[in-house]
Amino acid sequence: MADTTVKVDSETRDRLAAVAAAHGKSVRAFLSDVAVQEENHLKLAEATAVFREVTRRPGVAEAFDAAFPEDAAPTSPDFAERAA
């Protein structure tokens, strides 16, 4: 992988260096990790949106519960109170 230069102001550079050092990493390693985390966050947000859209469709939740009864949502009356 070829190296490249990213220009940031000195305050940002110093902040990145301090945060990277607090994590015991070089700025290069820290930024690489941040990029992966942000990519994962974007993918998770997209997957969440798709999941919410699908589960809004009538009958989907019930079909899932029927197919996977061990993972079905709890139905006891006090569950909502405990979950709140």
Protein backbone atom coordinates (compact mmCIF):
# COMPACT_ATOMS: atom_id res chain seq x y z
CA MET A 1 0.00 0.00 0.00
CA ALA A 2 1.40 3.37 -0.99
CA ASP A 3 1.64 6.14 1.58
CA THR A 4 -0.09 9.45 1.09
CA THR A 5 -0.13 12.75 2.92
CA VAL A 6 -3.19 14.29 4.49
CA LYS A 7 -2.88 17.94 5.40
CA VAL A 8 -4.51 19.08 8.61
CA ASP A 9 -3.89 22.11 10.77
CA SER A 10 -1.39 21.75 13.60
CA GLU A 11 -4.11 21.79 16.28
CA THR A 12 -5.87 18.84 14.64
CA ARG A 13 -2.57 17.01 14.19
CA ASP A 14 -1.76 17.48 17.87
CA ARG A 15 -5.21 16.33 18.94
CA LEU A 16 -4.96 13.21 16.77
CA ALA A 17 -1.51 12.47 18.14
CA ALA A 18 -2.73 12.84 21.73
CA VAL A 19 -5.75 10.59 21.20
CA ALA A 20 -3.67 8.00 19.34
CA ALA A 21 -1.08 8.00 22.13
CA ALA A 22 -3.84 7.55 24.73
CA HIS A 23 -4.81 4.39 22.83
CA GLY A 24 -1.18 3.29 22.63
CA LYS A 25 -1.13 3.65 18.85
CA SER A 26 0.58 5.66 16.18
CA VAL A 27 -1.52 8.26 14.39
CA ARG A 28 -1.38 6.05 11.28
CA ALA A 29 -2.73 3.00 13.16
CA PHE A 30 -5.31 5.08 15.00
CA LEU A 31 -6.67 6.64 11.81
CA SER A 32 -6.77 3.23 10.15
CA ASP A 33 -8.84 1.90 13.05
CA VAL A 34 -11.12 4.94 12.96
CA ALA A 35 -11.74 4.42 9.23
CA VAL A 36 -12.70 0.77 9.79
CA GLN A 37 -14.96 1.69 12.71
CA GLU A 38 -16.70 4.39 10.69
CA GLU A 39 -17.19 2.05 7.73
CA ASN A 40 -18.73 -0.50 10.10
CA HIS A 41 -20.93 2.17 11.65
CA LEU A 42 -22.24 3.21 8.23
CA LYS A 43 -22.93 -0.41 7.26
CA LEU A 44 -24.71 -1.04 10.55
CA ALA A 45 -26.84 2.08 10.09
CA GLU A 46 -27.80 0.91 6.59
CA ALA A 47 -28.59 -2.60 7.84
CA THR A 48 -30.66 -1.14 10.67
CA ALA A 49 -32.70 0.95 8.24
CA VAL A 50 -33.36 -2.09 6.05
CA PHE A 51 -34.27 -4.20 9.09
CA ARG A 52 -36.72 -1.56 10.33
CA GLU A 53 -38.32 -1.29 6.89
CA VAL A 54 -38.73 -5.05 6.59
CA THR A 55 -40.07 -5.56 10.10
CA ARG A 56 -42.72 -2.86 9.56
CA ARG A 57 -44.35 -5.05 6.94
CA PRO A 58 -47.48 -6.81 8.21
CA GLY A 59 -46.87 -10.36 9.36
CA VAL A 60 -43.07 -10.30 9.22
CA ALA A 61 -42.50 -10.29 12.98
CA GLU A 62 -45.07 -13.05 13.45
CA ALA A 63 -43.50 -15.14 10.68
CA PHE A 64 -40.07 -14.74 12.28
CA ASP A 65 -41.41 -15.75 15.68
CA ALA A 66 -43.07 -18.80 14.14
CA ALA A 67 -39.89 -19.82 12.32
CA PHE A 68 -37.62 -19.20 15.32
CA PRO A 69 -39.74 -19.73 18.44
CA GLU A 70 -36.69 -19.83 20.73
CA ASP A 71 -35.94 -16.25 19.66
CA ALA A 72 -39.53 -15.00 19.77
CA ALA A 73 -40.27 -11.80 21.62
CA PRO A 74 -41.34 -12.41 25.23
CA THR A 75 -45.10 -12.29 25.66
CA SER A 76 -45.44 -12.23 29.44
CA PRO A 77 -47.49 -9.24 30.68
CA ASP A 78 -44.75 -8.00 32.98
CA PHE A 79 -42.05 -8.02 30.29
CA ALA A 80 -42.86 -4.49 29.13
CA GLU A 81 -42.63 -3.23 32.69
CA ARG A 82 -39.25 -4.93 33.25
CA ALA A 83 -37.90 -3.71 29.91
CA ALA A 84 -38.81 -0.08 30.60
